[in-house]
Amino acid sequence: MEELQSIDILGREILEDARKKAGRILKTSDDTITAKSAEWDAKITAAITELEQKNLRNSRYAEAEIMAALPIDKLRIKSAKTEELLNAAVAVWFSRLSRQQVLAILQNELAQRIAVCECLDEPDGIYVTICKIDKSEAEKLLQEVLPGKPCIIEEAHSDALYPEIIIENNKVRITASIDKVTEFFLSEQRAELIESLLGERGFCDA
């Protein structure tokens, strides 16, 4: 009986040892798997980072090549777009002017030019050419800037986008036009207008 009990105890001890060895093996396996997983994660992360950096370098290199190869085209596109925006802004500004304001601008331009001109005398004849202005409007305007002086008014076609009036004789030619007003304004205030339209960084960064 004692011998059977001893065998039973021995069997339990063997099983216990086996379970302990199995536990150690499983733990070692788990530790190995965890370590390998961390190792592979690190390798994968490093590989992805390297690929991203390589792609970034390639992208920057390609961008640099494109920018170096096409600076004139880029400048031309930027310039064309800027002009388009400026012209659109001028068109909007003009569309908001009343007819009285348009005529007042032309009258002011003529008055300033006539004030410094000594060659406008009626014996030589004063001829007036108008575009996008009614004859009645021109007559009223001329009465203000050339009071009492007879003028011969003719309507003419012009490439000008906006109203203009030209006064001339055989010695001098004076032109007042919304086109010239806007051209002068754009040349004098170009930077401010571009900044207003596109922001401080300008169109190329838009």
Protein backbone atom coordinates (compact mmCIF):
# COMPACT_ATOMS: atom_id res chain seq x y z
CA MET A 1 0.00 0.00 0.00
CA GLU A 2 2.80 2.36 0.87
CA GLU A 3 4.47 1.50 -2.40
CA LEU A 4 1.35 2.50 -4.35
CA GLN A 5 1.16 5.77 -2.44
CA SER A 6 4.78 6.47 -3.23
CA ILE A 7 4.15 5.82 -6.91
CA ASP A 8 1.16 8.15 -6.81
CA ILE A 9 3.18 10.89 -5.12
CA LEU A 10 5.97 10.41 -7.62
CA GLY A 11 3.53 10.70 -10.49
CA ARG A 12 2.12 13.94 -9.11
CA GLU A 13 5.62 15.31 -8.69
CA ILE A 14 6.48 14.37 -12.28
CA LEU A 15 3.32 16.04 -13.52
CA GLU A 16 4.05 19.13 -11.42
CA ASP A 17 7.57 19.33 -12.80
CA ALA A 18 6.22 18.91 -16.29
CA ARG A 19 3.72 21.70 -15.76
CA LYS A 20 6.44 23.97 -14.42
CA LYS A 21 8.72 23.18 -17.37
CA ALA A 22 5.82 23.75 -19.75
CA GLY A 23 5.07 27.06 -18.05
CA ARG A 24 8.69 28.14 -18.35
CA ILE A 25 8.75 27.12 -22.01
CA LEU A 26 5.53 29.01 -22.71
CA LYS A 27 6.81 32.09 -20.88
CA THR A 28 10.08 31.93 -22.78
CA SER A 29 8.15 31.58 -26.02
CA ASP A 30 5.94 34.53 -25.11
CA ASP A 31 8.97 36.61 -24.21
CA THR A 32 10.67 35.63 -27.46
CA ILE A 33 7.56 36.46 -29.49
CA THR A 34 7.19 39.79 -27.71
CA ALA A 35 10.83 40.66 -28.27
CA LYS A 36 10.68 39.63 -31.93
CA SER A 37 7.46 41.58 -32.41
CA ALA A 38 9.05 44.69 -30.91
CA GLU A 39 12.11 44.12 -33.07
CA TRP A 40 10.02 43.78 -36.21
CA ASP A 41 7.90 46.78 -35.25
CA ALA A 42 11.06 48.83 -34.89
CA LYS A 43 12.39 47.59 -38.23
CA ILE A 44 9.08 48.26 -39.99
CA THR A 45 8.85 51.75 -38.44
CA ALA A 46 12.43 52.50 -39.47
CA ALA A 47 11.77 51.21 -42.99
CA ILE A 48 8.59 53.29 -43.32
CA THR A 49 10.37 56.37 -41.98
CA GLU A 50 13.21 55.84 -44.44
CA LEU A 51 10.76 55.45 -47.32
CA GLU A 52 8.88 58.57 -46.27
CA GLN A 53 12.11 60.56 -46.06
CA LYS A 54 13.23 59.18 -49.41
CA ASN A 55 9.89 60.07 -50.99
CA LEU A 56 10.07 63.53 -49.44
CA ARG A 57 13.59 64.02 -50.81
CA ASN A 58 12.47 62.78 -54.22
CA SER A 59 9.44 65.05 -54.14
CA ARG A 60 11.55 68.05 -53.21
CA TYR A 61 14.09 67.16 -55.87
CA ALA A 62 11.36 66.78 -58.49
CA GLU A 63 9.79 70.05 -57.38
CA ALA A 64 13.16 71.79 -57.54
CA GLU A 65 13.73 70.42 -61.05
CA ILE A 66 10.29 71.58 -62.19
CA MET A 67 10.72 75.02 -60.64
CA ALA A 68 14.17 75.35 -62.15
CA ALA A 69 12.96 74.25 -65.57
CA LEU A 70 9.81 76.38 -65.64
CA PRO A 71 10.52 79.69 -63.86
CA ILE A 72 9.48 81.77 -66.86
CA ASP A 73 6.21 79.88 -67.26
CA LYS A 74 5.45 80.24 -63.57
CA LEU A 75 6.18 83.96 -63.68
CA ARG A 76 4.07 84.32 -66.81
CA ILE A 77 1.14 82.47 -65.25
CA LYS A 78 1.41 84.51 -62.06
CA SER A 79 1.62 87.76 -63.98
CA ALA A 80 -1.33 86.86 -66.23
CA LYS A 81 -3.47 85.85 -63.26
CA THR A 82 -2.55 88.99 -61.35
CA GLU A 83 -3.44 91.17 -64.34
CA GLU A 84 -6.72 89.30 -64.70
CA LEU A 85 -7.58 89.95 -61.06
CA LEU A 86 -6.58 93.60 -61.26
CA ASN A 87 -8.61 94.15 -64.42
CA ALA A 88 -11.57 92.41 -62.82
CA ALA A 89 -11.24 94.69 -59.79
CA VAL A 90 -11.18 97.75 -62.07
CA ALA A 91 -14.27 96.49 -63.90
CA VAL A 92 -16.09 96.07 -60.60
CA TRP A 93 -15.02 99.54 -59.48
CA PHE A 94 -16.22 101.10 -62.75
CA SER A 95 -19.54 99.24 -62.65
CA ARG A 96 -20.26 100.85 -59.29
CA LEU A 97 -19.70 104.39 -60.53
CA SER A 98 -22.71 106.50 -61.41
CA ARG A 99 -22.74 108.23 -64.79
CA GLN A 100 -22.24 111.55 -63.04
CA GLN A 101 -19.12 110.21 -61.33
CA VAL A 102 -17.71 108.95 -64.65
CA LEU A 103 -18.24 112.33 -66.31
CA ALA A 104 -16.82 114.13 -63.27
CA ILE A 105 -13.61 112.07 -63.54
CA LEU A 106 -13.26 112.93 -67.23
CA GLN A 107 -14.00 116.61 -66.56
CA ASN A 108 -11.40 116.75 -63.80
CA GLU A 109 -8.79 115.09 -66.04
CA LEU A 110 -9.48 117.54 -68.88
CA ALA A 111 -9.46 120.53 -66.57
CA GLN A 112 -6.05 119.61 -65.16
CA ARG A 113 -4.53 119.19 -68.62
CA ILE A 114 -6.10 122.30 -70.08
CA ALA A 115 -4.82 124.32 -67.11
CA VAL A 116 -1.21 123.71 -68.15
CA CYS A 117 -1.82 124.03 -71.89
CA GLU A 118 -1.48 127.38 -73.69
CA CYS A 119 -2.21 126.15 -77.20
CA LEU A 120 -5.96 125.67 -77.10
CA ASP A 121 -7.29 128.66 -78.98
CA GLU A 122 -10.38 128.62 -81.16
CA PRO A 123 -8.85 130.38 -84.22
CA ASP A 124 -7.06 127.10 -84.93
CA GLY A 125 -10.32 125.19 -84.39
CA ILE A 126 -11.02 122.84 -81.48
CA TYR A 127 -11.99 119.31 -82.46
CA VAL A 128 -13.38 116.87 -79.97
CA THR A 129 -13.54 113.11 -80.39
CA ILE A 130 -15.64 111.11 -77.97
CA CYS A 131 -16.01 107.41 -77.31
CA LYS A 132 -18.63 105.77 -75.10
CA ILE A 133 -19.97 109.25 -74.28
CA ASP A 134 -23.16 110.81 -75.57
CA LYS A 135 -22.82 114.03 -77.53
CA SER A 136 -25.07 115.84 -75.07
CA GLU A 137 -22.86 114.70 -72.20
CA ALA A 138 -19.76 115.90 -74.04
CA GLU A 139 -21.32 119.31 -74.77
CA LYS A 140 -22.16 119.86 -71.11
CA LEU A 141 -18.69 118.75 -70.05
CA LEU A 142 -16.97 121.02 -72.58
CA GLN A 143 -18.98 124.01 -71.41
CA GLU A 144 -17.38 123.51 -68.00
CA VAL A 145 -13.76 123.09 -69.15
CA LEU A 146 -13.86 125.33 -72.23
CA PRO A 147 -16.56 127.89 -71.48
CA GLY A 148 -17.60 129.94 -74.50
CA LYS A 149 -15.30 128.15 -76.96
CA PRO A 150 -16.95 126.44 -79.94
CA CYS A 151 -16.02 122.81 -80.44
CA ILE A 152 -16.64 120.38 -83.27
CA ILE A 153 -17.65 117.07 -81.71
CA GLU A 154 -17.37 113.73 -83.46
CA GLU A 155 -18.10 110.25 -82.17
CA ALA A 156 -15.53 107.58 -82.90
CA HIS A 157 -14.89 103.93 -82.20
CA SER A 158 -11.97 103.11 -79.96
CA ASP A 159 -10.22 100.11 -78.44
CA ALA A 160 -10.60 101.75 -75.05
CA LEU A 161 -12.69 99.76 -72.61
CA TYR A 162 -14.07 102.82 -70.89
CA PRO A 163 -15.27 106.32 -71.86
CA GLU A 164 -12.76 108.80 -73.23
CA ILE A 165 -12.70 112.27 -74.73
CA ILE A 166 -9.97 113.80 -76.90
CA ILE A 167 -9.55 117.55 -77.50
CA GLU A 168 -7.13 118.73 -80.19
CA ASN A 169 -6.18 121.42 -82.63
CA ASN A 170 -3.25 121.70 -84.98
CA LYS A 171 -0.86 122.27 -82.06
CA VAL A 172 -1.90 120.03 -79.21
CA ARG A 173 -3.85 116.90 -78.40
CA ILE A 174 -5.34 116.31 -74.95
CA THR A 175 -6.84 113.00 -73.93
CA ALA A 176 -8.89 112.21 -70.86
CA SER A 177 -10.05 108.64 -70.38
CA ILE A 178 -11.07 106.29 -67.65
CA ASP A 179 -8.53 103.82 -69.10
CA LYS A 180 -5.66 106.22 -68.48
CA VAL A 181 -6.95 107.02 -65.01
CA THR A 182 -7.05 103.34 -64.08
CA GLU A 183 -3.65 102.69 -65.71
CA PHE A 184 -2.09 105.47 -63.65
CA PHE A 185 -3.82 104.28 -60.50
CA LEU A 186 -2.70 100.68 -61.10
CA SER A 187 0.89 101.75 -61.72
CA GLU A 188 1.00 103.94 -58.61
CA GLN A 189 -0.90 101.64 -56.24
CA ARG A 190 -0.07 98.26 -57.76
CA ALA A 191 1.60 96.74 -54.71
CA GLU A 192 -1.19 97.84 -52.39
CA LEU A 193 -3.86 96.53 -54.77
CA ILE A 194 -2.16 93.16 -55.18
CA GLU A 195 -1.76 92.84 -51.43
CA SER A 196 -5.42 93.74 -50.98
CA LEU A 197 -6.53 91.18 -53.56
CA LEU A 198 -4.12 88.35 -52.78
CA GLY A 199 -2.85 88.97 -49.26
CA GLU A 200 0.69 89.68 -48.10
CA ARG A 201 2.10 86.41 -49.47
CA GLY A 202 0.93 87.15 -53.01
CA PHE A 203 -0.57 84.96 -55.68
CA CYS A 204 2.27 82.49 -56.08
CA ASP A 205 1.71 81.21 -52.53
CA ALA A 206 -2.00 81.06 -52.90
